[in-house]
Amino acid sequence: MTKDVIFTKLQEALEEEFEIPIDKITLESRLFEDLELDSIDAVDMIVKMKPYLNSQVNPEMFKSVRTVQDVVDILEPLTK
């Protein structure tokens, strides 16, 4: 799956799950400051993305995640 497709799926998940307007979700959006997600929301976001992943998610990978781009970069290798 390409990074563009992952980004689109992530936008859809954030809009559906957290009612965030899709135009507010950019690659530069900061998860906590701009999108107002908390740590539980971040876990829920990853759970929503699990159907698109071919590998297990290691929670340690997400400790340094701050932006939507960070999430896309981490998820992309897990879709192969």
Protein backbone atom coordinates (compact mmCIF):
# COMPACT_ATOMS: atom_id res chain seq x y z
CA MET A 1 0.00 0.00 0.00
CA THR A 2 1.37 3.41 -0.90
CA LYS A 3 1.79 6.25 1.56
CA ASP A 4 -0.94 8.18 -0.27
CA VAL A 5 -3.42 5.33 0.21
CA ILE A 6 -2.45 4.97 3.87
CA PHE A 7 -2.94 8.70 4.37
CA THR A 8 -6.40 8.53 2.77
CA LYS A 9 -7.40 5.55 4.96
CA LEU A 10 -6.07 7.37 8.02
CA GLN A 11 -8.07 10.49 7.14
CA GLU A 12 -11.21 8.37 6.76
CA ALA A 13 -10.60 6.63 10.09
CA LEU A 14 -10.00 9.91 11.92
CA GLU A 15 -13.08 11.50 10.38
CA GLU A 16 -15.29 8.50 11.13
CA GLU A 17 -13.99 7.62 14.59
CA PHE A 18 -13.26 11.07 16.02
CA GLU A 19 -15.45 13.33 13.84
CA ILE A 20 -12.46 15.40 12.75
CA PRO A 21 -13.19 17.35 9.55
CA ILE A 22 -11.20 15.72 6.77
CA ASP A 23 -9.84 19.06 5.57
CA LYS A 24 -8.24 19.54 8.99
CA ILE A 25 -6.25 16.30 8.61
CA THR A 26 -3.03 16.96 6.72
CA LEU A 27 0.32 15.21 6.81
CA GLU A 28 1.64 18.08 8.92
CA SER A 29 -1.23 17.89 11.45
CA ARG A 30 0.03 17.24 14.96
CA LEU A 31 -1.99 14.47 16.57
CA PHE A 32 -2.27 15.94 20.03
CA GLU A 33 -2.12 19.69 19.46
CA ASP A 34 -3.95 20.09 16.12
CA LEU A 35 -6.29 17.10 16.07
CA GLU A 36 -6.77 17.05 19.85
CA LEU A 37 -6.22 13.30 20.20
CA ASP A 38 -5.10 11.81 23.48
CA SER A 39 -3.12 8.61 24.04
CA ILE A 40 -6.27 6.44 24.14
CA ASP A 41 -7.45 8.02 20.88
CA ALA A 42 -4.07 7.24 19.31
CA VAL A 43 -4.48 3.56 20.24
CA ASP A 44 -8.01 3.56 18.79
CA MET A 45 -6.66 5.11 15.59
CA ILE A 46 -4.12 2.29 15.18
CA VAL A 47 -6.80 -0.32 15.88
CA LYS A 48 -8.89 1.21 13.06
CA MET A 49 -5.91 0.81 10.73
CA LYS A 50 -5.21 -2.85 11.65
CA PRO A 51 -7.29 -4.31 8.78
CA TYR A 52 -4.84 -2.74 6.32
CA LEU A 53 -1.71 -4.08 8.01
CA ASN A 54 0.09 -7.33 7.24
CA SER A 55 2.34 -7.19 10.30
CA GLN A 56 1.86 -6.84 14.01
CA VAL A 57 2.01 -3.36 15.46
CA ASN A 58 4.67 -2.84 18.09
CA PRO A 59 3.50 -0.08 20.47
CA GLU A 60 7.14 0.98 20.96
CA MET A 61 7.17 2.18 17.34
CA PHE A 62 4.63 4.87 18.17
CA LYS A 63 6.37 6.49 21.13
CA SER A 64 7.95 9.18 18.95
CA VAL A 65 4.91 9.78 16.74
CA ARG A 66 3.80 13.42 16.68
CA THR A 67 2.25 14.06 13.25
CA VAL A 68 0.02 12.29 10.77
CA GLN A 69 3.10 11.93 8.53
CA ASP A 70 4.86 10.05 11.35
CA VAL A 71 1.96 7.59 11.51
CA VAL A 72 1.94 7.09 7.73
CA ASP A 73 5.72 6.50 7.73
CA ILE A 74 5.45 3.87 10.46
CA LEU A 75 2.44 2.09 8.97
CA GLU A 76 3.72 1.93 5.38
CA PRO A 77 6.23 -0.92 5.92
CA LEU A 78 3.61 -2.83 7.91
CA THR A 79 1.29 -2.98 4.88
CA LYS A 80 3.73 -5.01 2.79
